[in-house]
């Protein structure tokens, strides 16, 4: 049974930072690309960042480039999202997801976590 468990969300002021974590179990972690998506109120899932199996490739949404960094620790089966210079528009439920392919569309990801809420106050 595959489980992805996010943590690290919370309430932060604009300009602040948060680090999200996603612990994976039940899958061969180093064979999966990992990604973060987010969903704001009344919005669809939005791609945030993705990282390939060995961290050799990363991809970011234009809205977070230069502010967010995705990384992974394969021995710990964990993927991270470091978020700096947070803005009110970053407020959303953040999900991590796993795929056998490195891609940026939600439908390409088979496994999803339950999400962690990030709220940025302006």
N, C-alpha and C. Protein backbone atom coordinates (compact mmCIF):
# COMPACT_ATOMS: atom_id res chain seq x y z
N UNK A 1 0.84 -1.19 0.00
CA UNK A 1 0.00 0.00 0.00
C UNK A 1 0.88 1.25 0.00
N UNK A 2 0.72 2.05 -1.03
CA UNK A 2 1.52 3.26 -1.16
C UNK A 2 0.92 4.36 -0.28
N UNK A 3 1.79 5.02 0.47
CA UNK A 3 1.38 6.16 1.27
C UNK A 3 2.34 7.32 1.06
N UNK A 4 1.78 8.49 0.85
CA UNK A 4 2.54 9.73 0.79
C UNK A 4 1.97 10.64 1.86
N UNK A 5 2.81 11.07 2.79
CA UNK A 5 2.35 11.87 3.92
C UNK A 5 3.10 13.19 3.95
N UNK A 6 2.35 14.27 3.71
CA UNK A 6 2.95 15.61 3.72
C UNK A 6 2.93 16.19 5.12
N UNK A 7 3.89 17.07 5.37
CA UNK A 7 3.94 17.82 6.62
C UNK A 7 4.67 19.12 6.39
N UNK A 8 4.56 20.03 7.37
CA UNK A 8 5.31 21.26 7.30
C UNK A 8 4.51 22.49 6.93
N UNK A 9 3.25 22.31 6.61
CA UNK A 9 2.42 23.46 6.29
C UNK A 9 2.12 24.28 7.52
N UNK A 10 1.51 25.44 7.29
CA UNK A 10 1.15 26.30 8.40
C UNK A 10 0.82 27.69 7.95
N UNK A 11 0.74 28.59 8.91
CA UNK A 11 0.44 30.00 8.67
C UNK A 11 1.74 30.80 8.76
N UNK A 12 1.99 31.60 7.73
CA UNK A 12 3.22 32.39 7.70
C UNK A 12 2.91 33.75 7.11
N UNK A 13 3.67 34.75 7.51
CA UNK A 13 3.48 36.08 6.93
C UNK A 13 4.13 36.16 5.55
N UNK A 14 3.62 37.05 4.74
CA UNK A 14 4.21 37.28 3.43
C UNK A 14 5.69 37.62 3.60
N UNK A 15 6.50 37.03 2.72
CA UNK A 15 7.94 37.21 2.80
C UNK A 15 8.64 36.13 3.61
N UNK A 16 7.87 35.33 4.31
CA UNK A 16 8.44 34.28 5.14
C UNK A 16 8.74 33.01 4.36
N UNK A 17 9.13 31.98 5.10
CA UNK A 17 9.54 30.71 4.49
C UNK A 17 8.88 29.54 5.21
N UNK A 18 8.70 28.47 4.45
CA UNK A 18 8.26 27.19 4.98
C UNK A 18 8.98 26.09 4.24
N UNK A 19 9.14 24.95 4.89
CA UNK A 19 9.70 23.78 4.24
C UNK A 19 8.72 22.63 4.38
N UNK A 20 8.22 22.17 3.26
CA UNK A 20 7.31 21.04 3.25
C UNK A 20 8.10 19.75 3.07
N UNK A 21 7.60 18.69 3.70
CA UNK A 21 8.19 17.37 3.55
C UNK A 21 7.11 16.39 3.12
N UNK A 22 7.52 15.35 2.42
CA UNK A 22 6.60 14.30 2.00
C UNK A 22 7.33 12.98 2.18
N UNK A 23 6.84 12.18 3.12
CA UNK A 23 7.43 10.87 3.39
C UNK A 23 6.66 9.80 2.63
N UNK A 24 7.40 9.00 1.87
CA UNK A 24 6.79 7.97 1.04
C UNK A 24 7.05 6.58 1.60
N UNK A 25 6.08 5.71 1.43
CA UNK A 25 6.25 4.30 1.81
C UNK A 25 5.43 3.44 0.87
N UNK A 26 5.81 2.15 0.79
CA UNK A 26 5.07 1.22 -0.05
C UNK A 26 5.42 1.27 -1.53
N UNK A 27 6.47 1.99 -1.89
CA UNK A 27 6.92 2.02 -3.28
C UNK A 27 8.44 2.12 -3.30
N UNK A 28 9.02 1.73 -4.44
CA UNK A 28 10.47 1.86 -4.60
C UNK A 28 10.76 3.30 -4.95
N UNK A 29 11.05 4.07 -3.92
CA UNK A 29 11.06 5.53 -4.03
C UNK A 29 12.00 6.02 -5.12
N UNK A 30 13.17 5.43 -5.24
CA UNK A 30 14.15 5.96 -6.20
C UNK A 30 13.82 5.59 -7.65
N UNK A 31 12.68 4.98 -7.87
CA UNK A 31 12.21 4.70 -9.23
C UNK A 31 11.06 5.61 -9.64
N UNK A 32 10.72 6.55 -8.77
CA UNK A 32 9.61 7.44 -9.03
C UNK A 32 10.06 8.89 -9.09
N UNK A 33 9.56 9.59 -10.10
CA UNK A 33 9.65 11.04 -10.07
C UNK A 33 8.64 11.56 -9.04
N UNK A 34 8.99 12.65 -8.41
CA UNK A 34 8.12 13.22 -7.38
C UNK A 34 7.80 14.67 -7.74
N UNK A 35 6.62 15.09 -7.33
CA UNK A 35 6.21 16.45 -7.65
C UNK A 35 5.37 17.02 -6.52
N UNK A 36 5.29 18.34 -6.54
CA UNK A 36 4.38 19.06 -5.66
C UNK A 36 3.36 19.78 -6.54
N UNK A 37 2.11 19.66 -6.14
CA UNK A 37 1.02 20.41 -6.75
C UNK A 37 0.32 21.19 -5.65
N UNK A 38 -0.47 22.15 -6.04
CA UNK A 38 -1.25 22.89 -5.05
C UNK A 38 -2.63 23.18 -5.60
N UNK A 39 -3.56 23.37 -4.67
CA UNK A 39 -4.93 23.69 -5.06
C UNK A 39 -5.45 24.77 -4.15
N UNK A 40 -5.66 25.95 -4.72
CA UNK A 40 -6.24 27.05 -3.98
C UNK A 40 -7.75 26.95 -3.96
N UNK A 41 -8.40 27.78 -3.14
CA UNK A 41 -9.87 27.75 -3.05
C UNK A 41 -10.52 27.98 -4.41
N UNK A 42 -11.35 27.06 -4.81
CA UNK A 42 -12.07 27.20 -6.08
C UNK A 42 -11.23 27.00 -7.31
N UNK A 43 -10.03 26.47 -7.15
CA UNK A 43 -9.14 26.31 -8.29
C UNK A 43 -8.83 24.83 -8.52
N UNK A 44 -8.31 24.54 -9.71
CA UNK A 44 -7.88 23.17 -10.02
C UNK A 44 -6.45 22.96 -9.50
N UNK A 45 -6.03 21.70 -9.56
CA UNK A 45 -4.65 21.39 -9.18
C UNK A 45 -3.69 22.16 -10.09
N UNK A 46 -2.70 22.77 -9.47
CA UNK A 46 -1.70 23.55 -10.19
C UNK A 46 -0.32 22.94 -9.94
N UNK A 47 0.43 22.71 -11.01
CA UNK A 47 1.78 22.21 -10.88
C UNK A 47 2.66 23.24 -10.19
N UNK A 48 3.51 22.75 -9.27
CA UNK A 48 4.45 23.63 -8.56
C UNK A 48 5.89 23.28 -8.93
N UNK A 49 6.27 22.02 -8.71
CA UNK A 49 7.65 21.61 -8.97
C UNK A 49 7.71 20.10 -9.09
N UNK A 50 8.71 19.62 -9.83
CA UNK A 50 8.93 18.17 -9.98
C UNK A 50 10.41 17.89 -9.96
N UNK A 51 10.74 16.66 -9.57
CA UNK A 51 12.14 16.23 -9.52
C UNK A 51 12.23 14.79 -10.00
N UNK A 52 13.26 14.51 -10.77
CA UNK A 52 13.42 13.18 -11.33
C UNK A 52 13.98 12.20 -10.29
N UNK A 53 14.13 10.94 -10.70
CA UNK A 53 14.48 9.86 -9.79
C UNK A 53 15.78 10.13 -9.03
N UNK A 54 16.79 10.64 -9.74
CA UNK A 54 18.09 10.83 -9.11
C UNK A 54 18.42 12.30 -8.90
N UNK A 55 17.39 13.16 -8.93
CA UNK A 55 17.55 14.61 -8.74
C UNK A 55 18.31 15.26 -9.89
N UNK A 56 18.50 14.52 -10.99
CA UNK A 56 19.22 15.11 -12.11
C UNK A 56 18.44 16.16 -12.86
N UNK A 57 17.11 16.10 -12.76
CA UNK A 57 16.27 17.07 -13.46
C UNK A 57 15.22 17.61 -12.50
N UNK A 58 14.98 18.90 -12.63
CA UNK A 58 13.90 19.54 -11.88
C UNK A 58 13.13 20.45 -12.82
N UNK A 59 11.90 20.74 -12.43
CA UNK A 59 11.06 21.63 -13.21
C UNK A 59 10.22 22.44 -12.23
N UNK A 60 9.99 23.71 -12.58
CA UNK A 60 9.23 24.59 -11.70
C UNK A 60 8.20 25.37 -12.50
N UNK A 61 7.08 25.65 -11.86
CA UNK A 61 6.12 26.58 -12.43
C UNK A 61 6.76 27.97 -12.46
N UNK A 62 6.41 28.76 -13.47
CA UNK A 62 6.97 30.10 -13.58
C UNK A 62 6.68 30.93 -12.33
N UNK A 63 5.54 30.69 -11.72
CA UNK A 63 5.12 31.50 -10.57
C UNK A 63 5.98 31.27 -9.33
N UNK A 64 6.75 30.19 -9.30
CA UNK A 64 7.54 29.89 -8.10
C UNK A 64 9.06 29.85 -8.39
N UNK A 65 9.45 29.99 -9.64
CA UNK A 65 10.87 29.95 -9.99
C UNK A 65 11.64 31.01 -9.21
N UNK A 66 12.78 30.60 -8.67
CA UNK A 66 13.61 31.52 -7.93
C UNK A 66 13.21 31.66 -6.47
N UNK A 67 12.03 31.13 -6.11
CA UNK A 67 11.57 31.22 -4.72
C UNK A 67 11.46 29.85 -4.06
N UNK A 68 11.07 28.84 -4.84
CA UNK A 68 10.87 27.49 -4.31
C UNK A 68 11.98 26.57 -4.82
N UNK A 69 12.34 25.59 -3.99
CA UNK A 69 13.33 24.59 -4.38
C UNK A 69 12.84 23.21 -3.98
N UNK A 70 12.80 22.30 -4.95
CA UNK A 70 12.43 20.92 -4.68
C UNK A 70 13.70 20.08 -4.55
N UNK A 71 13.69 19.15 -3.60
CA UNK A 71 14.83 18.26 -3.42
C UNK A 71 14.31 16.93 -2.88
N UNK A 72 15.18 15.93 -2.91
CA UNK A 72 14.76 14.62 -2.41
C UNK A 72 15.93 13.93 -1.73
N UNK A 73 15.59 13.06 -0.79
CA UNK A 73 16.56 12.24 -0.09
C UNK A 73 16.12 10.80 -0.29
N UNK A 74 16.72 10.12 -1.25
CA UNK A 74 16.26 8.78 -1.58
C UNK A 74 16.43 7.78 -0.44
N UNK A 75 17.55 7.78 0.28
CA UNK A 75 17.64 6.83 1.40
C UNK A 75 16.56 7.04 2.46
N UNK A 76 16.06 8.29 2.59
CA UNK A 76 15.03 8.59 3.58
C UNK A 76 13.63 8.55 2.98
N UNK A 77 13.52 8.24 1.68
CA UNK A 77 12.22 8.18 1.00
C UNK A 77 11.41 9.47 1.21
N UNK A 78 12.07 10.58 1.09
CA UNK A 78 11.42 11.86 1.38
C UNK A 78 11.72 12.88 0.30
N UNK A 79 10.72 13.66 -0.04
CA UNK A 79 10.89 14.79 -0.95
C UNK A 79 10.52 16.06 -0.20
N UNK A 80 11.21 17.14 -0.52
CA UNK A 80 11.04 18.41 0.18
C UNK A 80 10.66 19.51 -0.80
N UNK A 81 10.03 20.53 -0.25
CA UNK A 81 9.79 21.76 -1.00
C UNK A 81 10.13 22.93 -0.08
N UNK A 82 11.25 23.58 -0.37
CA UNK A 82 11.64 24.78 0.38
C UNK A 82 10.98 25.98 -0.29
N UNK A 83 10.19 26.70 0.47
CA UNK A 83 9.45 27.85 -0.07
C UNK A 83 9.91 29.11 0.62
N UNK A 84 10.49 30.01 -0.15
CA UNK A 84 10.96 31.30 0.38
C UNK A 84 10.18 32.43 -0.26
N UNK A 85 10.27 33.59 0.34
CA UNK A 85 9.61 34.80 -0.17
C UNK A 85 8.15 34.52 -0.50
N UNK A 86 7.47 33.93 0.44
CA UNK A 86 6.09 33.52 0.21
C UNK A 86 5.18 34.72 0.00
N UNK A 87 4.19 34.52 -0.86
CA UNK A 87 3.22 35.55 -1.19
C UNK A 87 1.81 35.06 -0.83
N UNK A 88 0.89 35.99 -0.70
CA UNK A 88 -0.48 35.62 -0.37
C UNK A 88 -1.05 34.65 -1.41
N UNK A 89 -0.66 34.82 -2.67
CA UNK A 89 -1.18 33.96 -3.73
C UNK A 89 -0.61 32.54 -3.68
N UNK A 90 0.34 32.29 -2.80
CA UNK A 90 0.83 30.92 -2.61
C UNK A 90 -0.07 30.12 -1.66
N UNK A 91 -1.05 30.78 -1.06
CA UNK A 91 -1.97 30.09 -0.16
C UNK A 91 -2.72 29.00 -0.90
N UNK A 92 -2.61 27.76 -0.40
CA UNK A 92 -3.24 26.62 -1.06
C UNK A 92 -3.01 25.37 -0.21
N UNK A 93 -3.69 24.32 -0.62
CA UNK A 93 -3.41 22.99 -0.09
C UNK A 93 -2.34 22.38 -0.99
N UNK A 94 -1.22 21.98 -0.40
CA UNK A 94 -0.09 21.47 -1.17
C UNK A 94 -0.04 19.95 -1.07
N UNK A 95 0.05 19.31 -2.23
CA UNK A 95 0.08 17.86 -2.32
C UNK A 95 1.41 17.40 -2.91
N UNK A 96 1.91 16.28 -2.42
CA UNK A 96 3.00 15.64 -3.15
C UNK A 96 2.41 14.45 -3.91
N UNK A 97 3.10 14.08 -4.98
CA UNK A 97 2.61 13.03 -5.86
C UNK A 97 3.79 12.28 -6.46
N UNK A 98 3.53 11.02 -6.84
CA UNK A 98 4.58 10.15 -7.39
C UNK A 98 4.16 9.62 -8.74
N UNK A 99 5.14 9.56 -9.66
CA UNK A 99 4.89 9.06 -11.01
C UNK A 99 6.10 8.29 -11.50
N UNK A 100 5.85 7.30 -12.36
CA UNK A 100 6.98 6.58 -12.94
C UNK A 100 7.63 7.41 -14.05
N UNK A 101 6.97 8.49 -14.46
CA UNK A 101 7.54 9.37 -15.48
C UNK A 101 7.73 10.77 -14.91
N UNK A 102 8.72 11.45 -15.40
CA UNK A 102 8.99 12.82 -14.99
C UNK A 102 8.12 13.74 -15.83
N UNK A 103 7.08 14.29 -15.23
CA UNK A 103 6.20 15.17 -15.97
C UNK A 103 5.56 16.19 -15.04
N UNK A 104 4.79 17.07 -15.64
CA UNK A 104 4.27 18.21 -14.88
C UNK A 104 2.75 18.31 -14.87
N UNK A 105 2.07 17.32 -15.39
CA UNK A 105 0.60 17.36 -15.41
C UNK A 105 0.04 16.43 -14.33
N UNK A 106 -1.02 16.86 -13.64
CA UNK A 106 -1.57 16.04 -12.55
C UNK A 106 -1.97 14.63 -12.99
N UNK A 107 -2.51 14.51 -14.20
CA UNK A 107 -3.02 13.20 -14.62
C UNK A 107 -1.90 12.19 -14.82
N UNK A 108 -0.67 12.66 -14.85
CA UNK A 108 0.45 11.75 -15.00
C UNK A 108 0.91 11.12 -13.70
N UNK A 109 0.32 11.57 -12.59
CA UNK A 109 0.76 11.11 -11.27
C UNK A 109 -0.26 10.14 -10.68
N UNK A 110 0.22 8.95 -10.37
CA UNK A 110 -0.67 7.89 -9.90
C UNK A 110 -0.95 7.98 -8.40
N UNK A 111 0.06 8.34 -7.63
CA UNK A 111 -0.08 8.33 -6.18
C UNK A 111 -0.05 9.75 -5.63
N UNK A 112 -0.95 10.02 -4.68
CA UNK A 112 -1.09 11.36 -4.11
C UNK A 112 -1.18 11.29 -2.59
N UNK A 113 -0.65 12.31 -1.93
CA UNK A 113 -0.85 12.45 -0.51
C UNK A 113 -2.16 13.16 -0.21
N UNK A 114 -2.40 13.39 1.07
CA UNK A 114 -3.64 14.04 1.52
C UNK A 114 -3.53 15.57 1.54
N UNK A 115 -2.31 16.06 1.46
CA UNK A 115 -2.13 17.50 1.40
C UNK A 115 -1.79 18.13 2.73
N UNK A 116 -1.12 19.27 2.67
CA UNK A 116 -0.83 20.08 3.85
C UNK A 116 -1.13 21.54 3.51
N UNK A 117 -1.83 22.22 4.39
CA UNK A 117 -2.30 23.57 4.12
C UNK A 117 -1.20 24.60 4.36
N UNK A 118 -1.04 25.47 3.39
CA UNK A 118 -0.14 26.61 3.52
C UNK A 118 -0.98 27.88 3.41
N UNK A 119 -0.90 28.73 4.40
CA UNK A 119 -1.64 29.99 4.40
C UNK A 119 -0.65 31.12 4.60
N UNK A 120 -0.64 32.05 3.66
CA UNK A 120 0.27 33.19 3.71
C UNK A 120 -0.56 34.44 3.94
N UNK A 121 -0.30 35.12 5.05
CA UNK A 121 -1.04 36.34 5.37
C UNK A 121 -0.29 37.55 4.83
N UNK A 122 -1.05 38.47 4.27
CA UNK A 122 -0.42 39.66 3.67
C UNK A 122 -0.39 40.82 4.65
